[in-house]
Amino acid sequence: MTRIDHQRGMWKRGKAPIVPVTVLTGFLGSGKTTLMNHILNDTTHGMEFAVIENEFGEVGIDERILSENVEEEVIEVMNGCICCTVRGDLVEALKKLYKRVSSFNGIIIETTGLADPAPVVQTFFIDEEIQKMYTLDSVITVVDAKYIIERLNETKPEGVENEAVEQVVFADKIILNKVDLVAKEEELETIEKRLRGLNPTASVLRCKFADIDPKELLNIKAFELNRVLEFDPEFLSDDQEHQHDKTVSSVACKLDGEMNIEMLTRWIERLIKEDGANLYRYKGVLAVKGMETKFVFQGVGMLFNGTFVKKKWKKDEKRESRFVFIGKNLDAEFLKYGFEACVVTKPLRFKVGDTVKANVGSERSSSFGTTVMPTAFNLSMATKSGPLWTLMCMSGLPN
């Protein structure tokens, strides 16, 4: 393995480097993974990263949608919040990565959206071995302009901290993302005022699609322990407790097989109409019948979208579909059943790209031609007698 050039005071006099760590946090659906991909795709910062991904559920999603430009190892810390139940796994992952320190000069830790950053930050100050290997460069918090006030105002059970508040308080920089979803400038100013009220020292950067110059976020040496101790004098105490809201849970699905995206989209549409307020985050990477590229599906509350990405299924990669729901009072059995019902179980009648004809009744033209497309598209025709013929041009129709 080729040793890379460690800059900014590292590899001094042949000694092993102190590696800077950026903690990327923010509530569910704020845009953390999108920002991560921007950083990894950028070629101007001249850094090579190791990435630690934390997933709240038992099925990983984010690692499968990270940029293919990532040559470094991506470690997933699974099935729990990195700030509590799997914190020991974080320490183990950091020590494991350091054995290959010659291959990177920075680490990015992306926490789950339900993480309180405090215990993650604390790791770099109370573990002596970690202190010799790493330095905490900054805590970057991404917030969703459309939903952040709602999250900050959320009432939690006694003894349970509001994670969205903690994420803002611990930030060295706050990325106010999705500003295009807020109609008025006055609303954005109100949001910024609220954020600065919680954290007067952090700068607030506005953006859309988490598009921020990485130079604003990397090697900025922004974290100051004294600032944290001012608002949390017991921060370095080993006996601090962290409780999650017990009504919040995750439901994970992993299925062998390929999906009917049209069915899945309609099911999600019905789901968010009935229970959108309780769905904090849902996301998936899906295998679609007849398609070589992956379909990434994700949503926050009432907003969701899906698209085919450039990342293709590898020849030796198992074509499976994964989906994770995170929210309040979730019905796990119902969600898994709905997801499973969208699996294609029969061969396709048509291939993507075929031109087909559909009967729309005798009172209209007897047939029309259309090309089967690889994107979600409904073509419907109704006659006076009442029947509605729908040709689902997603990836062909099962027999």
Protein backbone atom coordinates (compact mmCIF):
# COMPACT_ATOMS: atom_id res chain seq x y z
CA MET A 1 0.00 0.00 0.00
CA THR A 2 1.40 3.41 -0.93
CA ARG A 3 1.94 5.79 1.95
CA ILE A 4 0.10 9.04 1.31
CA ASP A 5 1.37 12.49 2.20
CA HIS A 6 0.10 13.43 5.67
CA GLN A 7 -0.04 17.19 5.98
CA ARG A 8 -0.90 19.74 8.67
CA GLY A 9 1.51 18.54 11.35
CA MET A 10 1.14 14.77 10.84
CA TRP A 11 3.89 12.17 10.33
CA LYS A 12 6.36 14.45 12.14
CA ARG A 13 9.86 13.01 12.47
CA GLY A 14 8.67 9.58 11.36
CA LYS A 15 6.14 9.24 14.18
CA ALA A 16 2.64 7.95 13.51
CA PRO A 17 0.22 10.79 12.75
CA ILE A 18 -2.55 12.27 14.82
CA VAL A 19 -5.49 11.90 12.43
CA PRO A 20 -8.21 14.58 12.28
CA VAL A 21 -11.79 13.37 12.72
CA THR A 22 -14.92 15.10 11.45
CA VAL A 23 -18.19 14.10 13.11
CA LEU A 24 -21.11 14.54 10.75
CA THR A 25 -24.42 14.60 12.60
CA GLY A 26 -27.98 15.84 12.15
CA PHE A 27 -31.51 14.55 12.52
CA LEU A 28 -32.95 11.84 10.29
CA GLY A 29 -33.35 12.94 6.68
CA SER A 30 -31.41 16.19 7.01
CA GLY A 31 -28.98 15.32 4.19
CA LYS A 32 -25.92 13.88 5.92
CA THR A 33 -25.23 11.14 3.38
CA THR A 34 -25.72 13.58 0.49
CA LEU A 35 -23.14 15.88 2.07
CA MET A 36 -20.84 12.91 2.61
CA ASN A 37 -21.04 12.08 -1.09
CA HIS A 38 -20.24 15.69 -2.03
CA ILE A 39 -17.10 15.51 0.11
CA LEU A 40 -16.02 12.14 -1.26
CA ASN A 41 -16.57 13.20 -4.87
CA ASP A 42 -14.69 16.48 -4.47
CA THR A 43 -11.11 16.48 -5.74
CA THR A 44 -9.99 19.89 -4.44
CA HIS A 45 -9.40 19.08 -0.76
CA GLY A 46 -6.63 16.57 -1.52
CA MET A 47 -7.57 14.22 1.32
CA GLU A 48 -8.18 10.48 1.52
CA PHE A 49 -10.78 9.35 4.05
CA ALA A 50 -11.80 6.37 6.06
CA VAL A 51 -15.55 6.47 6.74
CA ILE A 52 -17.46 5.16 9.74
CA GLU A 53 -21.21 4.83 9.12
CA ASN A 54 -23.66 4.36 11.97
CA GLU A 55 -27.06 2.83 11.18
CA PHE A 56 -29.84 2.76 13.78
CA GLY A 57 -31.48 -0.34 12.28
CA GLU A 58 -30.22 -3.87 11.76
CA VAL A 59 -30.04 -3.47 7.95
CA GLY A 60 -27.50 -1.08 6.42
CA ILE A 61 -28.51 1.31 3.64
CA ASP A 62 -26.14 4.28 3.52
CA GLU A 63 -23.00 2.26 2.76
CA ARG A 64 -24.72 1.01 -0.40
CA ILE A 65 -25.43 4.51 -1.70
CA LEU A 66 -22.10 6.16 -0.90
CA SER A 67 -20.09 7.35 -3.87
CA GLU A 68 -18.21 4.71 -5.82
CA ASN A 69 -15.22 7.10 -5.60
CA VAL A 70 -14.65 5.86 -2.07
CA GLU A 71 -11.54 3.70 -2.25
CA GLU A 72 -11.06 3.68 1.50
CA GLU A 73 -12.72 1.19 3.78
CA VAL A 74 -16.23 2.00 4.94
CA ILE A 75 -17.03 0.53 8.35
CA GLU A 76 -20.66 0.22 9.38
CA VAL A 77 -21.53 0.34 13.08
CA MET A 78 -24.87 -1.38 13.04
CA ASN A 79 -28.14 -1.90 14.92
CA GLY A 80 -27.97 0.75 17.55
CA CYS A 81 -27.14 4.37 18.20
CA ILE A 82 -23.42 5.16 18.10
CA CYS A 83 -23.86 7.34 21.20
CA CYS A 84 -24.91 4.49 23.47
CA THR A 85 -25.45 0.80 22.69
CA VAL A 86 -22.69 0.51 20.08
CA ARG A 87 -20.28 3.10 21.43
CA GLY A 88 -17.78 0.34 22.21
CA ASP A 89 -17.94 -0.67 18.56
CA LEU A 90 -16.93 2.89 17.59
CA VAL A 91 -13.79 2.69 19.74
CA GLU A 92 -12.98 -0.72 18.27
CA ALA A 93 -13.51 0.57 14.71
CA LEU A 94 -11.23 3.57 15.31
CA LYS A 95 -8.43 1.38 16.67
CA LYS A 96 -8.86 -1.08 13.80
CA LEU A 97 -8.64 1.70 11.22
CA TYR A 98 -5.49 3.14 12.74
CA LYS A 99 -3.58 0.00 11.79
CA ARG A 100 -3.97 1.16 8.18
CA VAL A 101 -3.27 4.83 8.87
CA SER A 102 -0.86 5.06 5.94
CA SER A 103 -3.81 4.83 3.53
CA PHE A 104 -5.78 7.86 4.74
CA ASN A 105 -5.29 11.25 6.39
CA GLY A 106 -8.76 11.89 7.75
CA ILE A 107 -11.79 10.12 9.18
CA ILE A 108 -15.45 11.06 8.80
CA ILE A 109 -17.95 9.62 11.27
CA GLU A 110 -21.56 9.86 10.14
CA THR A 111 -23.86 9.28 13.09
CA THR A 112 -27.39 8.03 12.95
CA GLY A 113 -29.99 10.80 12.98
CA LEU A 114 -31.02 9.76 16.48
CA ALA A 115 -27.56 10.21 18.01
CA ASP A 116 -26.73 12.66 20.76
CA PRO A 117 -23.24 13.83 19.70
CA ALA A 118 -22.04 14.19 23.31
CA PRO A 119 -20.93 10.58 23.93
CA VAL A 120 -19.34 10.40 20.47
CA VAL A 121 -17.35 13.56 21.14
CA GLN A 122 -16.51 12.35 24.63
CA THR A 123 -14.80 9.27 23.14
CA PHE A 124 -11.92 11.45 21.91
CA PHE A 125 -11.22 12.86 25.39
CA ILE A 126 -11.67 10.02 27.88
CA ASP A 127 -10.04 7.11 26.01
CA GLU A 128 -6.26 7.51 26.32
CA GLU A 129 -5.42 5.27 23.36
CA ILE A 130 -7.79 7.17 21.08
CA GLN A 131 -6.23 10.48 22.17
CA LYS A 132 -2.84 9.28 20.93
CA MET A 133 -4.29 8.37 17.52
CA TYR A 134 -6.90 11.00 16.72
CA THR A 135 -7.91 14.61 17.23
CA LEU A 136 -11.48 15.84 16.93
CA ASP A 137 -11.39 18.48 14.20
CA SER A 138 -15.05 19.54 14.16
CA VAL A 139 -18.68 18.59 14.66
CA ILE A 140 -20.77 19.44 11.59
CA THR A 141 -24.54 19.40 12.06
CA VAL A 142 -26.88 19.25 9.06
CA VAL A 143 -30.44 20.47 9.63
CA ASP A 144 -33.49 20.23 7.40
CA ALA A 145 -34.89 23.74 6.89
CA LYS A 146 -38.41 22.40 6.38
CA TYR A 147 -38.61 20.28 9.55
CA ILE A 148 -36.00 21.57 12.02
CA ILE A 149 -38.34 23.82 14.02
CA GLU A 150 -40.82 20.96 14.37
CA ARG A 151 -38.03 18.68 15.61
CA LEU A 152 -36.69 21.26 18.07
CA ASN A 153 -40.18 21.82 19.48
CA GLU A 154 -40.91 18.14 19.95
CA THR A 155 -41.82 17.24 23.53
CA LYS A 156 -39.90 14.25 24.89
CA PRO A 157 -40.69 11.98 27.85
CA GLU A 158 -39.13 12.93 31.18
CA GLY A 159 -35.41 12.16 31.26
CA VAL A 160 -35.15 11.85 27.47
CA GLU A 161 -33.11 14.45 25.61
CA ASN A 162 -34.21 16.00 22.36
CA GLU A 163 -31.55 14.76 19.93
CA ALA A 164 -32.18 17.54 17.43
CA VAL A 165 -31.44 20.14 20.13
CA GLU A 166 -28.26 18.35 21.24
CA GLN A 167 -27.04 18.11 17.65
CA VAL A 168 -27.39 21.87 17.21
CA VAL A 169 -25.82 22.69 20.57
CA PHE A 170 -22.69 20.62 19.91
CA ALA A 171 -22.16 21.90 16.35
CA ASP A 172 -19.08 23.84 15.33
CA LYS A 173 -20.81 24.57 12.02
CA ILE A 174 -24.49 24.22 11.15
CA ILE A 175 -25.49 23.39 7.59
CA LEU A 176 -29.00 24.74 6.98
CA ASN A 177 -29.97 22.41 4.15
CA LYS A 178 -33.03 22.29 1.86
CA VAL A 179 -33.60 26.03 1.99
CA ASP A 180 -35.45 25.71 -1.31
CA LEU A 181 -38.29 24.00 0.59
CA VAL A 182 -38.91 27.15 2.67
CA ALA A 183 -40.97 29.67 0.72
CA LYS A 184 -40.18 32.94 2.52
CA GLU A 185 -36.93 34.62 3.51
CA GLU A 186 -38.57 35.64 6.81
CA GLU A 187 -39.05 31.98 7.69
CA LEU A 188 -35.37 31.22 7.06
CA GLU A 189 -34.36 34.17 9.23
CA THR A 190 -36.60 32.86 12.02
CA ILE A 191 -34.98 29.43 11.74
CA GLU A 192 -31.49 30.92 11.87
CA LYS A 193 -32.43 33.01 14.91
CA ARG A 194 -33.63 29.87 16.69
CA LEU A 195 -30.45 27.98 15.82
CA ARG A 196 -28.23 30.86 17.01
CA GLY A 197 -30.24 31.05 20.20
CA LEU A 198 -29.22 27.46 20.93
CA ASN A 199 -25.66 27.84 19.69
CA PRO A 200 -24.39 31.45 19.39
CA THR A 201 -20.85 30.50 18.35
CA ALA A 202 -21.55 28.18 15.40
CA SER A 203 -21.71 29.67 11.92
CA VAL A 204 -24.81 28.81 9.87
CA LEU A 205 -24.34 28.02 6.18
CA ARG A 206 -27.35 27.86 3.89
CA CYS A 207 -27.52 25.37 1.02
CA LYS A 208 -29.63 23.18 -1.23
CA PHE A 209 -28.97 19.48 -1.76
CA ALA A 210 -26.23 19.67 0.90
CA ASP A 211 -23.97 21.38 -1.63
CA ILE A 212 -21.22 22.95 0.49
CA ASP A 213 -17.57 23.53 -0.36
CA PRO A 214 -15.69 20.82 1.62
CA LYS A 215 -13.01 23.38 2.51
CA GLU A 216 -15.61 24.93 4.83
CA LEU A 217 -15.80 21.66 6.76
CA LEU A 218 -12.45 19.86 6.69
CA ASN A 219 -9.28 20.61 8.66
CA ILE A 220 -10.86 23.69 10.18
CA LYS A 221 -9.76 22.89 13.77
CA ALA A 222 -13.04 24.23 15.06
CA PHE A 223 -13.83 22.01 18.05
CA GLU A 224 -13.16 23.65 21.41
CA LEU A 225 -13.55 21.58 24.55
CA ASN A 226 -13.82 24.67 26.77
CA ARG A 227 -16.93 25.82 24.89
CA VAL A 228 -18.61 22.48 25.59
CA LEU A 229 -17.63 22.53 29.26
CA GLU A 230 -19.22 25.97 29.62
CA PHE A 231 -22.71 24.64 28.87
CA ASP A 232 -22.09 21.08 30.13
CA PRO A 233 -19.63 21.07 33.06
CA GLU A 234 -20.15 17.32 33.58
CA PHE A 235 -19.31 16.53 29.94
CA LEU A 236 -16.17 14.52 30.74
CA SER A 237 -17.86 12.52 33.50
CA ASP A 238 -17.90 8.78 32.80
CA ASP A 239 -21.32 8.19 34.36
CA GLN A 240 -23.44 10.36 32.06
CA GLU A 241 -26.60 8.63 30.90
CA HIS A 242 -28.30 8.92 27.55
CA GLN A 243 -31.88 7.79 27.00
CA HIS A 244 -33.77 7.47 23.74
CA ASP A 245 -37.49 7.98 23.29
CA LYS A 246 -38.84 4.42 23.60
CA THR A 247 -41.68 5.18 21.18
CA VAL A 248 -39.09 5.68 18.42
CA SER A 249 -37.90 2.52 16.70
CA SER A 250 -36.67 1.19 13.38
CA VAL A 251 -38.12 -1.50 11.15
CA ALA A 252 -35.75 -3.09 8.65
CA CYS A 253 -36.51 -5.27 5.64
CA LYS A 254 -34.05 -7.22 3.51
CA LEU A 255 -35.42 -9.41 0.75
CA ASP A 256 -33.94 -11.56 -1.94
CA GLY A 257 -35.58 -10.68 -5.23
CA GLU A 258 -36.57 -7.65 -7.26
CA MET A 259 -39.19 -4.97 -6.74
CA ASN A 260 -42.16 -3.56 -8.61
CA ILE A 261 -41.43 0.15 -8.11
CA GLU A 262 -44.92 1.20 -9.22
CA MET A 263 -46.52 -0.90 -6.46
CA LEU A 264 -43.98 0.30 -3.89
CA THR A 265 -44.54 3.96 -4.80
CA ARG A 266 -48.32 3.64 -4.45
CA TRP A 267 -47.96 1.84 -1.15
CA ILE A 268 -45.64 4.54 0.24
CA GLU A 269 -48.07 7.24 -0.96
CA ARG A 270 -50.89 5.63 1.00
CA LEU A 271 -48.62 5.08 3.99
CA ILE A 272 -47.52 8.71 4.34
CA LYS A 273 -51.07 9.99 3.96
CA GLU A 274 -52.14 7.87 6.92
CA ASP A 275 -49.04 8.01 9.12
CA GLY A 276 -46.58 10.50 7.60
CA ALA A 277 -46.28 12.53 10.79
CA ASN A 278 -44.78 9.53 12.60
CA LEU A 279 -42.32 8.58 9.84
CA TYR A 280 -39.08 10.39 10.62
CA ARG A 281 -37.09 8.67 7.89
CA TYR A 282 -37.41 5.84 5.37
CA LYS A 283 -34.90 4.81 2.77
CA GLY A 284 -33.96 1.87 0.63
CA VAL A 285 -31.75 0.48 -2.10
CA LEU A 286 -33.76 -1.69 -4.45
CA ALA A 287 -33.14 -4.19 -7.23
CA VAL A 288 -35.62 -3.59 -10.06
CA LYS A 289 -36.49 -6.34 -12.51
CA GLY A 290 -34.74 -5.82 -15.85
CA MET A 291 -32.53 -2.92 -14.66
CA GLU A 292 -28.76 -2.99 -14.19
CA THR A 293 -28.62 0.13 -11.98
CA LYS A 294 -29.76 0.47 -8.37
CA PHE A 295 -32.92 2.30 -7.40
CA VAL A 296 -32.50 4.54 -4.36
CA PHE A 297 -35.73 5.42 -2.54
CA GLN A 298 -35.90 7.79 0.44
CA GLY A 299 -38.22 10.09 2.28
CA VAL A 300 -38.76 12.32 5.31
CA GLY A 301 -42.26 12.70 6.70
CA MET A 302 -44.58 13.54 3.81
CA LEU A 303 -41.79 14.09 1.27
CA PHE A 304 -40.29 11.20 -0.65
CA ASN A 305 -38.59 10.44 -3.96
CA GLY A 306 -36.86 7.67 -5.80
CA THR A 307 -34.47 7.46 -8.72
CA PHE A 308 -32.12 5.13 -10.54
CA VAL A 309 -28.52 6.01 -9.71
CA LYS A 310 -25.36 5.44 -11.74
CA LYS A 311 -24.21 2.72 -9.37
CA LYS A 312 -24.75 -0.64 -11.09
CA TRP A 313 -25.22 -4.07 -9.59
CA LYS A 314 -21.94 -5.93 -9.84
CA LYS A 315 -21.89 -9.31 -11.57
CA ASP A 316 -21.02 -11.12 -8.35
CA GLU A 317 -23.32 -8.94 -6.18
CA LYS A 318 -26.50 -10.44 -4.82
CA ARG A 319 -29.57 -8.62 -6.16
CA GLU A 320 -31.54 -7.88 -3.04
CA SER A 321 -33.76 -5.09 -1.84
CA ARG A 322 -33.33 -3.28 1.48
CA PHE A 323 -35.61 -0.80 3.21
CA VAL A 324 -35.49 0.86 6.64
CA PHE A 325 -38.25 2.80 8.38
CA ILE A 326 -37.53 4.96 11.45
CA GLY A 327 -40.29 6.68 13.34
CA LYS A 328 -42.77 6.72 16.20
CA ASN A 329 -45.09 3.87 17.14
CA LEU A 330 -44.28 1.84 14.05
CA ASP A 331 -46.22 -1.32 13.22
CA ALA A 332 -43.34 -3.61 12.23
CA GLU A 333 -45.49 -6.47 10.93
CA PHE A 334 -47.59 -4.17 8.74
CA LEU A 335 -44.54 -2.42 7.25
CA LYS A 336 -42.74 -5.66 6.45
CA TYR A 337 -45.86 -7.16 4.90
CA GLY A 338 -46.37 -4.10 2.67
CA PHE A 339 -42.76 -4.15 1.50
CA GLU A 340 -42.82 -7.87 0.78
CA ALA A 341 -46.02 -7.47 -1.26
CA CYS A 342 -44.11 -5.29 -3.76
CA VAL A 343 -41.68 -8.05 -4.74
CA VAL A 344 -41.99 -9.28 -8.33
CA THR A 345 -42.82 -12.98 -8.15
CA LYS A 346 -43.53 -13.72 -11.83
CA PRO A 347 -41.55 -13.24 -15.06
CA LEU A 348 -42.04 -9.94 -16.88
CA ARG A 349 -44.35 -9.91 -19.88
CA PHE A 350 -42.36 -7.12 -21.52
CA LYS A 351 -38.74 -6.08 -21.56
CA VAL A 352 -37.60 -2.51 -20.92
CA GLY A 353 -37.57 -0.79 -24.31
CA ASP A 354 -40.29 -2.94 -25.91
CA THR A 355 -43.15 -1.25 -27.77
CA VAL A 356 -46.51 -2.68 -26.70
CA LYS A 357 -50.19 -2.16 -27.50
CA ALA A 358 -52.99 -1.84 -24.94
CA ASN A 359 -56.74 -2.29 -25.53
CA VAL A 360 -58.66 0.76 -24.27
CA GLY A 361 -62.19 -0.15 -25.36
CA SER A 362 -64.25 -0.08 -28.54
CA GLU A 363 -65.43 3.54 -28.19
CA ARG A 364 -61.87 4.81 -28.50
CA SER A 365 -59.14 3.83 -30.88
CA SER A 366 -58.73 0.07 -30.58
CA SER A 367 -55.10 0.28 -29.50
CA PHE A 368 -52.17 2.56 -29.02
CA GLY A 369 -48.44 1.97 -28.83
CA THR A 370 -46.09 2.90 -26.03
CA THR A 371 -42.54 2.04 -25.06
CA VAL A 372 -41.87 0.31 -21.75
CA MET A 373 -39.71 2.77 -19.81
CA PRO A 374 -37.38 2.19 -16.84
CA THR A 375 -38.85 5.08 -14.85
CA ALA A 376 -42.06 5.33 -12.80
CA PHE A 377 -44.76 6.23 -15.31
CA ASN A 378 -48.50 5.47 -15.44
CA LEU A 379 -50.46 5.55 -18.68
CA SER A 380 -54.20 5.28 -18.05
CA MET A 381 -57.24 5.42 -20.36
CA ALA A 382 -60.91 5.23 -19.36
CA THR A 383 -64.00 4.46 -21.48
CA LYS A 384 -67.64 5.44 -20.98
CA SER A 385 -68.44 1.90 -19.88
CA GLY A 386 -66.18 2.41 -16.88
CA PRO A 387 -63.13 0.16 -17.03
CA LEU A 388 -59.77 1.75 -16.34
CA TRP A 389 -56.86 0.18 -18.15
CA THR A 390 -53.49 1.03 -16.65
CA LEU A 391 -50.25 0.11 -18.31
CA MET A 392 -47.47 0.20 -15.70
CA CYS A 393 -44.40 1.18 -17.68
CA MET A 394 -41.87 0.72 -14.92
CA SER A 395 -39.90 -2.34 -15.91
CA GLY A 396 -42.47 -4.39 -17.72
CA LEU A 397 -45.50 -6.15 -16.24
CA PRO A 398 -45.46 -9.50 -14.48
CA ASN A 399 -47.68 -12.08 -16.13
